Amino acid sequence: MMRMRRTLGGPAAAAAIMSLIVAPAFAQRPAGHYAAGRAVYRKWCAPCHDPGITHPGTHALMTKYKGVKSGVLLEWTDLPASTVKYMVRHGILLMPPFRKTEITDQELDALARFLSRNTPGGR
């Protein structure tokens, strides 16, 4: 006689397991954690740094790094918040510096947090 073994399976089990794995990550970063920084990026940075060769900042970084590193800032994993803040306030080459009347210190903090989100210890 064959004994039937009871196992968890199906969509309900998968959802339960995923909630155990994913819930701590969402608990650490609320849904809107990067929203303010993303908004600053969209307004001030995206015209030059969004993906695509038609964006001058992305094109310049693609040319500089020649495939060794992505030209798309949103993909970087080594961009500390302090570097973002410095570059925004001081500019570099053709990138102009942004004054506090354009990007406030609070907005800059949010932008730096957003752009350094993929950088270990960069937040």
N, C-alpha and C. Protein backbone atom coordinates (compact mmCIF):
# COMPACT_ATOMS: atom_id res chain seq x y z
N MET A 1 0.83 -1.16 0.00
CA MET A 1 0.00 0.00 0.00
C MET A 1 0.89 1.24 0.00
N MET A 2 0.55 2.17 -0.87
CA MET A 2 1.35 3.37 -1.01
C MET A 2 0.84 4.44 -0.06
N ARG A 3 1.78 5.04 0.65
CA ARG A 3 1.42 6.12 1.57
C ARG A 3 1.49 7.45 0.87
N MET A 4 0.52 8.26 1.05
CA MET A 4 0.54 9.59 0.43
C MET A 4 1.22 10.56 1.39
N ARG A 5 2.10 11.32 0.84
CA ARG A 5 2.81 12.30 1.64
C ARG A 5 2.19 13.67 1.42
N ARG A 6 1.97 14.36 2.48
CA ARG A 6 1.36 15.68 2.38
C ARG A 6 2.46 16.72 2.19
N THR A 7 2.36 17.51 1.16
CA THR A 7 3.35 18.55 0.90
C THR A 7 2.65 19.86 0.60
N LEU A 8 3.36 20.92 0.85
CA LEU A 8 2.84 22.23 0.46
C LEU A 8 3.10 22.41 -1.01
N GLY A 9 2.18 22.93 -1.70
CA GLY A 9 2.38 23.13 -3.12
C GLY A 9 1.40 24.13 -3.66
N GLY A 10 1.60 24.47 -4.90
CA GLY A 10 0.68 25.36 -5.58
C GLY A 10 0.94 26.82 -5.30
N PRO A 11 0.10 27.66 -5.84
CA PRO A 11 0.28 29.11 -5.73
C PRO A 11 0.28 29.64 -4.30
N ALA A 12 -0.53 29.06 -3.44
CA ALA A 12 -0.60 29.55 -2.06
C ALA A 12 0.73 29.33 -1.35
N ALA A 13 1.34 28.19 -1.57
CA ALA A 13 2.63 27.90 -0.94
C ALA A 13 3.70 28.83 -1.48
N ALA A 14 3.68 29.04 -2.78
CA ALA A 14 4.67 29.94 -3.39
C ALA A 14 4.53 31.35 -2.83
N ALA A 15 3.31 31.81 -2.68
CA ALA A 15 3.07 33.14 -2.14
C ALA A 15 3.55 33.24 -0.70
N ALA A 16 3.30 32.20 0.08
CA ALA A 16 3.75 32.20 1.48
C ALA A 16 5.26 32.26 1.58
N ILE A 17 5.92 31.48 0.77
CA ILE A 17 7.39 31.46 0.79
C ILE A 17 7.94 32.80 0.32
N MET A 18 7.38 33.36 -0.74
CA MET A 18 7.85 34.65 -1.24
C MET A 18 7.64 35.75 -0.21
N SER A 19 6.55 35.70 0.54
CA SER A 19 6.31 36.74 1.54
C SER A 19 7.38 36.70 2.63
N LEU A 20 7.87 35.51 2.94
CA LEU A 20 8.94 35.39 3.94
C LEU A 20 10.25 35.96 3.42
N ILE A 21 10.48 35.82 2.13
CA ILE A 21 11.72 36.30 1.53
C ILE A 21 11.66 37.79 1.23
N VAL A 22 10.56 38.24 0.65
CA VAL A 22 10.44 39.61 0.17
C VAL A 22 10.03 40.59 1.25
N ALA A 23 9.23 40.19 2.19
CA ALA A 23 8.71 41.11 3.21
C ALA A 23 9.81 41.88 3.94
N PRO A 24 10.90 41.23 4.39
CA PRO A 24 11.93 42.01 5.07
C PRO A 24 12.53 43.11 4.19
N ALA A 25 12.68 42.86 2.90
CA ALA A 25 13.24 43.87 2.02
C ALA A 25 12.31 45.07 1.91
N PHE A 26 11.01 44.82 1.80
CA PHE A 26 10.07 45.93 1.74
C PHE A 26 9.97 46.64 3.07
N ALA A 27 10.14 45.94 4.15
CA ALA A 27 10.09 46.55 5.47
C ALA A 27 11.25 47.52 5.64
N GLN A 28 12.39 47.22 5.03
CA GLN A 28 13.56 48.08 5.16
C GLN A 28 13.41 49.35 4.32
N ARG A 29 12.81 49.27 3.16
CA ARG A 29 12.66 50.41 2.26
C ARG A 29 11.19 50.59 1.91
N PRO A 30 10.52 51.57 2.52
CA PRO A 30 9.13 51.82 2.18
C PRO A 30 8.97 52.10 0.68
N ALA A 31 7.79 51.86 0.16
CA ALA A 31 7.54 52.01 -1.27
C ALA A 31 7.98 53.37 -1.81
N GLY A 32 7.77 54.42 -1.06
CA GLY A 32 8.12 55.76 -1.53
C GLY A 32 9.50 56.24 -1.13
N HIS A 33 10.35 55.33 -0.64
CA HIS A 33 11.67 55.71 -0.14
C HIS A 33 12.48 56.51 -1.16
N TYR A 34 12.42 56.12 -2.42
CA TYR A 34 13.20 56.79 -3.45
C TYR A 34 12.38 57.73 -4.32
N ALA A 35 11.11 57.91 -4.01
CA ALA A 35 10.21 58.70 -4.86
C ALA A 35 10.69 60.14 -5.04
N ALA A 36 11.09 60.78 -3.96
CA ALA A 36 11.53 62.18 -4.07
C ALA A 36 12.79 62.29 -4.92
N GLY A 37 13.73 61.37 -4.71
CA GLY A 37 14.97 61.38 -5.51
C GLY A 37 14.71 61.07 -6.97
N ARG A 38 13.78 60.15 -7.21
CA ARG A 38 13.42 59.80 -8.59
C ARG A 38 12.80 61.02 -9.28
N ALA A 39 12.00 61.80 -8.56
CA ALA A 39 11.38 63.00 -9.13
C ALA A 39 12.44 64.05 -9.48
N VAL A 40 13.41 64.23 -8.61
CA VAL A 40 14.50 65.18 -8.90
C VAL A 40 15.29 64.70 -10.12
N TYR A 41 15.58 63.41 -10.16
CA TYR A 41 16.29 62.84 -11.31
C TYR A 41 15.51 63.10 -12.60
N ARG A 42 14.21 62.83 -12.59
CA ARG A 42 13.38 63.02 -13.79
C ARG A 42 13.43 64.47 -14.26
N LYS A 43 13.36 65.40 -13.32
CA LYS A 43 13.31 66.82 -13.70
C LYS A 43 14.66 67.34 -14.18
N TRP A 44 15.73 67.04 -13.43
CA TRP A 44 17.01 67.69 -13.69
C TRP A 44 18.05 66.81 -14.40
N CYS A 45 18.01 65.52 -14.20
CA CYS A 45 19.08 64.65 -14.69
C CYS A 45 18.71 63.85 -15.94
N ALA A 46 17.47 63.39 -16.01
CA ALA A 46 17.04 62.51 -17.10
C ALA A 46 17.27 63.10 -18.49
N PRO A 47 17.06 64.40 -18.70
CA PRO A 47 17.29 64.91 -20.05
C PRO A 47 18.70 64.64 -20.59
N CYS A 48 19.67 64.57 -19.71
CA CYS A 48 21.05 64.29 -20.15
C CYS A 48 21.50 62.87 -19.83
N HIS A 49 20.94 62.25 -18.79
CA HIS A 49 21.48 60.98 -18.30
C HIS A 49 20.57 59.77 -18.44
N ASP A 50 19.40 59.91 -19.05
CA ASP A 50 18.57 58.72 -19.27
C ASP A 50 19.27 57.78 -20.26
N PRO A 51 18.86 56.52 -20.30
CA PRO A 51 19.46 55.57 -21.24
C PRO A 51 19.30 56.03 -22.69
N GLY A 52 20.30 55.77 -23.48
CA GLY A 52 20.25 56.08 -24.90
C GLY A 52 21.32 57.05 -25.33
N ILE A 53 21.87 56.80 -26.48
CA ILE A 53 22.97 57.61 -27.00
C ILE A 53 22.55 59.05 -27.30
N THR A 54 21.24 59.30 -27.42
CA THR A 54 20.77 60.65 -27.71
C THR A 54 20.81 61.56 -26.48
N HIS A 55 21.11 61.00 -25.33
CA HIS A 55 21.24 61.81 -24.11
C HIS A 55 22.72 62.15 -23.93
N PRO A 56 23.07 63.44 -23.95
CA PRO A 56 24.48 63.83 -23.97
C PRO A 56 25.32 63.33 -22.80
N GLY A 57 24.75 63.32 -21.59
CA GLY A 57 25.52 62.82 -20.44
C GLY A 57 25.80 61.33 -20.56
N THR A 58 24.80 60.59 -20.98
CA THR A 58 24.97 59.14 -21.17
C THR A 58 25.97 58.88 -22.29
N HIS A 59 25.85 59.63 -23.38
CA HIS A 59 26.77 59.47 -24.50
C HIS A 59 28.21 59.76 -24.06
N ALA A 60 28.39 60.81 -23.29
CA ALA A 60 29.74 61.16 -22.82
C ALA A 60 30.32 60.05 -21.93
N LEU A 61 29.49 59.50 -21.04
CA LEU A 61 29.96 58.42 -20.16
C LEU A 61 30.22 57.14 -20.95
N MET A 62 29.41 56.86 -21.97
CA MET A 62 29.66 55.69 -22.82
C MET A 62 31.00 55.83 -23.53
N THR A 63 31.28 57.04 -24.01
CA THR A 63 32.55 57.30 -24.70
C THR A 63 33.70 57.19 -23.72
N LYS A 64 33.54 57.73 -22.54
CA LYS A 64 34.61 57.70 -21.53
C LYS A 64 34.94 56.27 -21.10
N TYR A 65 33.92 55.48 -20.81
CA TYR A 65 34.15 54.14 -20.25
C TYR A 65 34.26 53.03 -21.30
N LYS A 66 33.93 53.32 -22.54
CA LYS A 66 34.12 52.38 -23.65
C LYS A 66 33.69 50.95 -23.34
N GLY A 67 32.54 50.78 -22.71
CA GLY A 67 32.01 49.45 -22.44
C GLY A 67 32.54 48.79 -21.18
N VAL A 68 33.56 49.37 -20.55
CA VAL A 68 34.08 48.83 -19.30
C VAL A 68 33.05 49.04 -18.19
N LYS A 69 32.32 50.13 -18.32
CA LYS A 69 31.30 50.50 -17.35
C LYS A 69 30.14 51.10 -18.13
N SER A 70 28.93 50.92 -17.65
CA SER A 70 27.76 51.46 -18.33
C SER A 70 27.79 52.99 -18.35
N GLY A 71 27.29 53.55 -19.40
CA GLY A 71 27.16 55.00 -19.48
C GLY A 71 25.87 55.49 -18.82
N VAL A 72 25.04 54.56 -18.38
CA VAL A 72 23.74 54.89 -17.78
C VAL A 72 23.89 54.95 -16.26
N LEU A 73 23.76 56.14 -15.70
CA LEU A 73 23.93 56.32 -14.26
C LEU A 73 23.00 55.43 -13.43
N LEU A 74 21.81 55.20 -13.91
CA LEU A 74 20.84 54.38 -13.18
C LEU A 74 21.30 52.94 -13.00
N GLU A 75 22.27 52.51 -13.78
CA GLU A 75 22.78 51.14 -13.71
C GLU A 75 24.04 51.02 -12.85
N TRP A 76 24.61 52.12 -12.46
CA TRP A 76 25.88 52.07 -11.72
C TRP A 76 25.70 51.42 -10.36
N THR A 77 26.70 50.66 -9.96
CA THR A 77 26.71 50.00 -8.65
C THR A 77 27.87 50.51 -7.80
N ASP A 78 28.50 51.57 -8.25
CA ASP A 78 29.64 52.14 -7.51
C ASP A 78 29.56 53.67 -7.49
N LEU A 79 28.39 54.18 -7.16
CA LEU A 79 28.17 55.63 -7.15
C LEU A 79 27.76 56.07 -5.75
N PRO A 80 28.74 56.43 -4.92
CA PRO A 80 28.41 56.87 -3.56
C PRO A 80 27.61 58.17 -3.55
N ALA A 81 26.78 58.33 -2.56
CA ALA A 81 25.97 59.54 -2.42
C ALA A 81 26.85 60.79 -2.37
N SER A 82 27.99 60.69 -1.73
CA SER A 82 28.88 61.86 -1.63
C SER A 82 29.37 62.32 -3.01
N THR A 83 29.59 61.39 -3.91
CA THR A 83 30.02 61.74 -5.27
C THR A 83 28.89 62.42 -6.03
N VAL A 84 27.68 61.91 -5.88
CA VAL A 84 26.52 62.53 -6.52
C VAL A 84 26.41 63.98 -6.06
N LYS A 85 26.48 64.20 -4.76
CA LYS A 85 26.34 65.54 -4.21
C LYS A 85 27.43 66.48 -4.73
N TYR A 86 28.65 66.00 -4.77
CA TYR A 86 29.76 66.83 -5.25
C TYR A 86 29.56 67.20 -6.72
N MET A 87 29.25 66.22 -7.55
CA MET A 87 29.11 66.48 -8.98
C MET A 87 27.94 67.41 -9.27
N VAL A 88 26.85 67.25 -8.55
CA VAL A 88 25.69 68.12 -8.76
C VAL A 88 26.03 69.56 -8.39
N ARG A 89 26.71 69.76 -7.29
CA ARG A 89 27.02 71.13 -6.84
C ARG A 89 28.17 71.78 -7.62
N HIS A 90 29.13 70.97 -8.12
CA HIS A 90 30.31 71.53 -8.77
C HIS A 90 30.33 71.35 -10.28
N GLY A 91 29.55 70.40 -10.80
CA GLY A 91 29.57 70.14 -12.24
C GLY A 91 30.86 69.47 -12.65
N ILE A 92 30.93 69.06 -13.90
CA ILE A 92 32.14 68.45 -14.45
C ILE A 92 32.05 68.53 -15.97
N LEU A 93 33.11 68.96 -16.59
CA LEU A 93 33.16 69.14 -18.03
C LEU A 93 31.95 69.93 -18.52
N LEU A 94 31.07 69.32 -19.32
CA LEU A 94 29.91 70.05 -19.85
C LEU A 94 28.72 70.04 -18.90
N MET A 95 28.77 69.25 -17.84
CA MET A 95 27.68 69.23 -16.87
C MET A 95 27.79 70.48 -15.99
N PRO A 96 26.75 71.29 -15.97
CA PRO A 96 26.81 72.51 -15.15
C PRO A 96 26.62 72.20 -13.67
N PRO A 97 27.11 73.08 -12.81
CA PRO A 97 26.78 72.95 -11.39
C PRO A 97 25.34 73.40 -11.17
N PHE A 98 24.67 72.78 -10.22
CA PHE A 98 23.30 73.17 -9.91
C PHE A 98 23.28 73.89 -8.58
N ARG A 99 22.70 75.08 -8.57
CA ARG A 99 22.62 75.91 -7.37
C ARG A 99 21.54 75.41 -6.44
N LYS A 100 21.61 75.86 -5.19
CA LYS A 100 20.60 75.49 -4.19
C LYS A 100 19.24 76.05 -4.52
N THR A 101 19.20 77.06 -5.38
CA THR A 101 17.91 77.60 -5.81
C THR A 101 17.28 76.73 -6.89
N GLU A 102 18.07 75.83 -7.48
CA GLU A 102 17.56 74.89 -8.48
C GLU A 102 17.24 73.53 -7.83
N ILE A 103 18.25 72.99 -7.14
CA ILE A 103 18.09 71.73 -6.42
C ILE A 103 18.45 72.02 -4.96
N THR A 104 17.46 72.00 -4.09
CA THR A 104 17.71 72.30 -2.68
C THR A 104 18.58 71.20 -2.05
N ASP A 105 19.12 71.48 -0.88
CA ASP A 105 19.91 70.47 -0.18
C ASP A 105 19.08 69.22 0.13
N GLN A 106 17.82 69.42 0.49
CA GLN A 106 16.93 68.29 0.77
C GLN A 106 16.70 67.46 -0.49
N GLU A 107 16.47 68.13 -1.62
CA GLU A 107 16.29 67.43 -2.89
C GLU A 107 17.58 66.71 -3.31
N LEU A 108 18.70 67.35 -3.05
CA LEU A 108 19.99 66.73 -3.38
C LEU A 108 20.23 65.48 -2.55
N ASP A 109 19.87 65.53 -1.28
CA ASP A 109 19.98 64.33 -0.43
C ASP A 109 19.13 63.19 -1.00
N ALA A 110 17.90 63.51 -1.41
CA ALA A 110 17.01 62.50 -1.98
C ALA A 110 17.56 61.96 -3.30
N LEU A 111 18.09 62.84 -4.14
CA LEU A 111 18.68 62.43 -5.41
C LEU A 111 19.88 61.51 -5.17
N ALA A 112 20.74 61.90 -4.25
CA ALA A 112 21.93 61.10 -3.94
C ALA A 112 21.54 59.73 -3.41
N ARG A 113 20.53 59.68 -2.57
CA ARG A 113 20.04 58.40 -2.04
C ARG A 113 19.51 57.52 -3.18
N PHE A 114 18.76 58.13 -4.12
CA PHE A 114 18.20 57.41 -5.25
C PHE A 114 19.31 56.87 -6.17
N LEU A 115 20.25 57.73 -6.54
CA LEU A 115 21.29 57.30 -7.49
C LEU A 115 22.30 56.33 -6.87
N SER A 116 22.44 56.36 -5.56
CA SER A 116 23.40 55.44 -4.91
C SER A 116 22.72 54.18 -4.37
N ARG A 117 21.46 53.98 -4.72
CA ARG A 117 20.69 52.84 -4.18
C ARG A 117 21.30 51.49 -4.54
N ASN A 118 22.03 51.39 -5.63
CA ASN A 118 22.64 50.12 -6.05
C ASN A 118 24.07 49.96 -5.54
N THR A 119 24.56 50.96 -4.83
CA THR A 119 25.94 50.96 -4.36
C THR A 119 26.01 50.47 -2.93
N PRO A 120 26.70 49.36 -2.68
CA PRO A 120 26.83 48.88 -1.30
C PRO A 120 27.46 49.95 -0.41
N GLY A 121 26.78 50.30 0.65
CA GLY A 121 27.30 51.31 1.58
C GLY A 121 27.27 52.73 1.03
N GLY A 122 26.68 52.92 -0.15
CA GLY A 122 26.69 54.23 -0.79
C GLY A 122 25.53 55.11 -0.41
N ARG A 123 24.59 54.60 0.38
CA ARG A 123 23.41 55.39 0.71
C ARG A 123 23.66 56.24 1.87
